[in-house]
């Protein structure tokens, strides 16, 4: 099992970090009761952008992170915090 540090600090090419970010985004979107299309519209981004980010295919910008966080009514920091019970 990977720890938080393994994912965000020791991933040289960013693959694990993008996948972890995407998983976190998907979980937050679903908990907000939003579809990819609804989130994209609320954030001013295309649905396909949300989809590819959730799949870990996109190296998302800080600007896009803040737009998505605002659409979810969350702080951008939520994407980088370990899930409850996860190792740090």
N, C-alpha and C. Protein backbone atom coordinates (compact mmCIF):
# COMPACT_ATOMS: atom_id res chain seq x y z
N UNK A 1 0.84 -1.18 0.00
CA UNK A 1 0.00 0.00 0.00
C UNK A 1 0.89 1.24 0.00
N UNK A 2 0.59 2.17 -0.85
CA UNK A 2 1.36 3.40 -0.94
C UNK A 2 0.93 4.36 0.16
N UNK A 3 1.91 5.09 0.66
CA UNK A 3 1.59 6.14 1.62
C UNK A 3 1.40 7.44 0.86
N UNK A 4 0.91 8.42 1.56
CA UNK A 4 0.71 9.76 1.00
C UNK A 4 2.03 10.28 0.41
N UNK A 5 3.11 10.12 1.16
CA UNK A 5 4.42 10.59 0.70
C UNK A 5 4.87 9.87 -0.55
N UNK A 6 4.59 8.57 -0.63
CA UNK A 6 4.96 7.81 -1.83
C UNK A 6 4.31 8.38 -3.06
N UNK A 7 3.06 8.76 -2.94
CA UNK A 7 2.31 9.25 -4.10
C UNK A 7 2.75 10.65 -4.50
N UNK A 8 2.82 11.57 -3.56
CA UNK A 8 3.04 12.96 -3.91
C UNK A 8 4.49 13.41 -3.89
N UNK A 9 5.37 12.72 -3.20
CA UNK A 9 6.73 13.20 -3.07
C UNK A 9 7.76 12.38 -3.84
N UNK A 10 7.45 11.14 -4.17
CA UNK A 10 8.45 10.27 -4.76
C UNK A 10 8.06 9.77 -6.14
N UNK A 11 7.18 10.46 -6.79
CA UNK A 11 6.68 10.06 -8.10
C UNK A 11 7.38 10.91 -9.15
N UNK A 12 8.48 10.42 -9.69
CA UNK A 12 9.32 11.24 -10.56
C UNK A 12 8.65 11.71 -11.85
N UNK A 13 7.80 10.88 -12.44
CA UNK A 13 7.17 11.31 -13.69
C UNK A 13 5.74 11.83 -13.50
N UNK A 14 5.23 11.78 -12.29
CA UNK A 14 3.92 12.33 -12.01
C UNK A 14 2.74 11.41 -12.25
N UNK A 15 2.99 10.20 -12.74
CA UNK A 15 1.90 9.29 -13.06
C UNK A 15 1.05 8.96 -11.84
N UNK A 16 1.70 8.58 -10.75
CA UNK A 16 0.97 8.24 -9.53
C UNK A 16 0.25 9.46 -8.97
N UNK A 17 0.89 10.60 -9.01
CA UNK A 17 0.29 11.82 -8.48
C UNK A 17 -0.96 12.19 -9.29
N UNK A 18 -0.87 12.09 -10.62
CA UNK A 18 -2.04 12.41 -11.45
C UNK A 18 -3.18 11.44 -11.19
N UNK A 19 -2.85 10.16 -11.02
CA UNK A 19 -3.89 9.16 -10.74
C UNK A 19 -4.53 9.41 -9.38
N UNK A 20 -3.71 9.71 -8.37
CA UNK A 20 -4.25 9.98 -7.03
C UNK A 20 -5.11 11.24 -7.04
N UNK A 21 -4.66 12.26 -7.76
CA UNK A 21 -5.45 13.49 -7.86
C UNK A 21 -6.79 13.19 -8.53
N UNK A 22 -6.75 12.43 -9.60
CA UNK A 22 -7.98 12.08 -10.33
C UNK A 22 -8.95 11.30 -9.47
N UNK A 23 -8.43 10.36 -8.71
CA UNK A 23 -9.30 9.58 -7.81
C UNK A 23 -9.95 10.49 -6.77
N UNK A 24 -9.16 11.40 -6.25
CA UNK A 24 -9.68 12.34 -5.24
C UNK A 24 -10.75 13.24 -5.87
N UNK A 25 -10.48 13.73 -7.07
CA UNK A 25 -11.46 14.57 -7.77
C UNK A 25 -12.76 13.82 -7.99
N UNK A 26 -12.67 12.59 -8.48
CA UNK A 26 -13.87 11.80 -8.72
C UNK A 26 -14.67 11.60 -7.43
N UNK A 27 -13.99 11.26 -6.34
CA UNK A 27 -14.67 11.05 -5.06
C UNK A 27 -15.37 12.33 -4.59
N UNK A 28 -14.71 13.45 -4.71
CA UNK A 28 -15.30 14.73 -4.29
C UNK A 28 -16.49 15.11 -5.18
N UNK A 29 -16.35 14.88 -6.47
CA UNK A 29 -17.44 15.20 -7.40
C UNK A 29 -18.67 14.35 -7.10
N UNK A 30 -18.45 13.06 -6.90
CA UNK A 30 -19.57 12.16 -6.62
C UNK A 30 -20.22 12.52 -5.28
N UNK A 31 -19.39 12.83 -4.28
CA UNK A 31 -19.97 13.19 -2.97
C UNK A 31 -20.75 14.50 -3.05
N UNK A 32 -20.41 15.34 -4.02
CA UNK A 32 -21.16 16.59 -4.24
C UNK A 32 -22.42 16.35 -5.07
N UNK A 33 -22.59 15.12 -5.55
CA UNK A 33 -23.77 14.79 -6.35
C UNK A 33 -23.76 15.42 -7.73
N UNK A 34 -22.57 15.60 -8.29
CA UNK A 34 -22.44 16.25 -9.59
C UNK A 34 -21.96 15.26 -10.65
N UNK A 35 -22.44 15.44 -11.86
CA UNK A 35 -21.91 14.69 -13.00
C UNK A 35 -20.66 15.42 -13.49
N UNK A 36 -19.90 14.75 -14.35
CA UNK A 36 -18.73 15.41 -14.95
C UNK A 36 -19.17 16.65 -15.73
N UNK A 37 -20.28 16.53 -16.42
CA UNK A 37 -20.78 17.65 -17.20
C UNK A 37 -21.17 18.82 -16.29
N UNK A 38 -21.85 18.53 -15.19
CA UNK A 38 -22.25 19.60 -14.26
C UNK A 38 -21.03 20.28 -13.64
N UNK A 39 -20.05 19.48 -13.25
CA UNK A 39 -18.84 20.06 -12.67
C UNK A 39 -18.09 20.90 -13.69
N UNK A 40 -17.97 20.38 -14.90
CA UNK A 40 -17.29 21.14 -15.94
C UNK A 40 -17.97 22.47 -16.20
N UNK A 41 -19.28 22.44 -16.28
CA UNK A 41 -20.02 23.69 -16.52
C UNK A 41 -19.83 24.67 -15.37
N UNK A 42 -19.91 24.19 -14.14
CA UNK A 42 -19.76 25.05 -12.97
C UNK A 42 -18.35 25.63 -12.87
N UNK A 43 -17.36 24.87 -13.35
CA UNK A 43 -15.97 25.31 -13.28
C UNK A 43 -15.52 26.06 -14.53
N UNK A 44 -16.35 26.09 -15.55
CA UNK A 44 -15.96 26.73 -16.81
C UNK A 44 -14.98 25.89 -17.60
N UNK A 45 -15.09 24.57 -17.44
CA UNK A 45 -14.21 23.63 -18.15
C UNK A 45 -15.06 22.62 -18.90
N UNK A 46 -14.49 22.02 -19.91
CA UNK A 46 -15.22 21.02 -20.68
C UNK A 46 -15.35 19.71 -19.91
N UNK A 47 -16.42 19.00 -20.14
CA UNK A 47 -16.64 17.69 -19.51
C UNK A 47 -15.50 16.73 -19.79
N UNK A 48 -14.94 16.79 -21.00
CA UNK A 48 -13.84 15.89 -21.35
C UNK A 48 -12.58 16.22 -20.55
N UNK A 49 -12.42 17.47 -20.18
CA UNK A 49 -11.28 17.88 -19.34
C UNK A 49 -11.43 17.24 -17.96
N UNK A 50 -12.63 17.29 -17.40
CA UNK A 50 -12.90 16.67 -16.10
C UNK A 50 -12.66 15.17 -16.20
N UNK A 51 -13.17 14.55 -17.24
CA UNK A 51 -13.02 13.10 -17.44
C UNK A 51 -11.56 12.69 -17.52
N UNK A 52 -10.79 13.37 -18.34
CA UNK A 52 -9.38 12.98 -18.51
C UNK A 52 -8.57 13.27 -17.24
N UNK A 53 -8.96 14.28 -16.49
CA UNK A 53 -8.29 14.56 -15.21
C UNK A 53 -8.58 13.45 -14.22
N UNK A 54 -9.84 13.02 -14.15
CA UNK A 54 -10.21 11.94 -13.24
C UNK A 54 -9.49 10.63 -13.59
N UNK A 55 -9.20 10.43 -14.85
CA UNK A 55 -8.50 9.21 -15.27
C UNK A 55 -6.99 9.33 -15.15
N UNK A 56 -6.49 10.46 -14.67
CA UNK A 56 -5.06 10.66 -14.49
C UNK A 56 -4.31 10.92 -15.78
N UNK A 57 -5.02 11.32 -16.82
CA UNK A 57 -4.41 11.54 -18.13
C UNK A 57 -3.92 12.98 -18.33
N UNK A 58 -4.34 13.87 -17.47
CA UNK A 58 -4.06 15.29 -17.68
C UNK A 58 -3.18 15.83 -16.56
N UNK A 59 -2.18 16.61 -16.94
CA UNK A 59 -1.34 17.32 -15.98
C UNK A 59 -2.03 18.66 -15.72
N UNK A 60 -2.94 18.66 -14.77
CA UNK A 60 -3.84 19.78 -14.53
C UNK A 60 -3.10 21.00 -13.99
N UNK A 61 -3.53 22.17 -14.41
CA UNK A 61 -2.90 23.41 -13.98
C UNK A 61 -3.47 23.87 -12.64
N UNK A 62 -2.73 24.72 -11.96
CA UNK A 62 -3.20 25.30 -10.71
C UNK A 62 -4.46 26.12 -10.95
N UNK A 63 -4.52 26.79 -12.06
CA UNK A 63 -5.71 27.57 -12.41
C UNK A 63 -6.95 26.67 -12.50
N UNK A 64 -6.81 25.54 -13.16
CA UNK A 64 -7.93 24.60 -13.29
C UNK A 64 -8.30 24.00 -11.94
N UNK A 65 -7.30 23.71 -11.11
CA UNK A 65 -7.57 23.17 -9.77
C UNK A 65 -8.41 24.16 -8.97
N UNK A 66 -8.06 25.43 -9.02
CA UNK A 66 -8.82 26.42 -8.25
C UNK A 66 -10.24 26.58 -8.79
N UNK A 67 -10.41 26.49 -10.11
CA UNK A 67 -11.76 26.56 -10.69
C UNK A 67 -12.62 25.38 -10.25
N UNK A 68 -12.03 24.19 -10.27
CA UNK A 68 -12.77 22.99 -9.87
C UNK A 68 -13.11 23.05 -8.38
N UNK A 69 -12.13 23.46 -7.56
CA UNK A 69 -12.37 23.56 -6.12
C UNK A 69 -13.51 24.55 -5.84
N UNK A 70 -13.51 25.68 -6.52
CA UNK A 70 -14.57 26.66 -6.32
C UNK A 70 -15.93 26.09 -6.72
N UNK A 71 -15.96 25.35 -7.81
CA UNK A 71 -17.22 24.74 -8.26
C UNK A 71 -17.73 23.70 -7.26
N UNK A 72 -16.80 23.05 -6.56
CA UNK A 72 -17.17 22.07 -5.54
C UNK A 72 -17.38 22.71 -4.17
N UNK A 73 -17.13 24.02 -4.10
CA UNK A 73 -17.20 24.78 -2.85
C UNK A 73 -16.25 24.21 -1.79
N UNK A 74 -15.03 23.95 -2.24
CA UNK A 74 -13.97 23.40 -1.39
C UNK A 74 -12.71 24.24 -1.56
N UNK A 75 -11.81 24.10 -0.62
CA UNK A 75 -10.49 24.71 -0.76
C UNK A 75 -9.66 23.84 -1.71
N UNK A 76 -8.80 24.44 -2.52
CA UNK A 76 -7.93 23.64 -3.38
C UNK A 76 -7.06 22.65 -2.59
N UNK A 77 -6.80 22.95 -1.35
CA UNK A 77 -5.97 22.09 -0.51
C UNK A 77 -6.58 20.70 -0.33
N UNK A 78 -7.88 20.59 -0.46
CA UNK A 78 -8.57 19.31 -0.26
C UNK A 78 -8.04 18.22 -1.20
N UNK A 79 -7.55 18.62 -2.35
CA UNK A 79 -7.04 17.66 -3.32
C UNK A 79 -5.71 17.04 -2.90
N UNK A 80 -5.01 17.69 -1.99
CA UNK A 80 -3.67 17.26 -1.60
C UNK A 80 -3.60 16.72 -0.18
N UNK A 81 -4.75 16.65 0.47
CA UNK A 81 -4.80 16.09 1.82
C UNK A 81 -5.08 14.60 1.72
N UNK A 82 -4.45 13.83 2.60
CA UNK A 82 -4.72 12.38 2.57
C UNK A 82 -6.17 12.10 2.95
N UNK A 83 -6.70 11.04 2.39
CA UNK A 83 -8.05 10.62 2.77
C UNK A 83 -8.04 10.25 4.23
N UNK A 84 -9.19 10.30 4.86
CA UNK A 84 -9.30 9.91 6.26
C UNK A 84 -8.72 8.51 6.44
N UNK A 85 -7.84 8.37 7.41
CA UNK A 85 -7.26 7.07 7.69
C UNK A 85 -6.03 6.73 6.85
N UNK A 86 -5.70 7.56 5.88
CA UNK A 86 -4.53 7.27 5.03
C UNK A 86 -3.25 7.64 5.79
N UNK A 87 -2.19 6.91 5.49
CA UNK A 87 -0.89 7.20 6.09
C UNK A 87 -0.33 8.47 5.49
N UNK A 88 0.38 9.24 6.30
CA UNK A 88 1.04 10.46 5.81
C UNK A 88 2.48 10.18 5.44
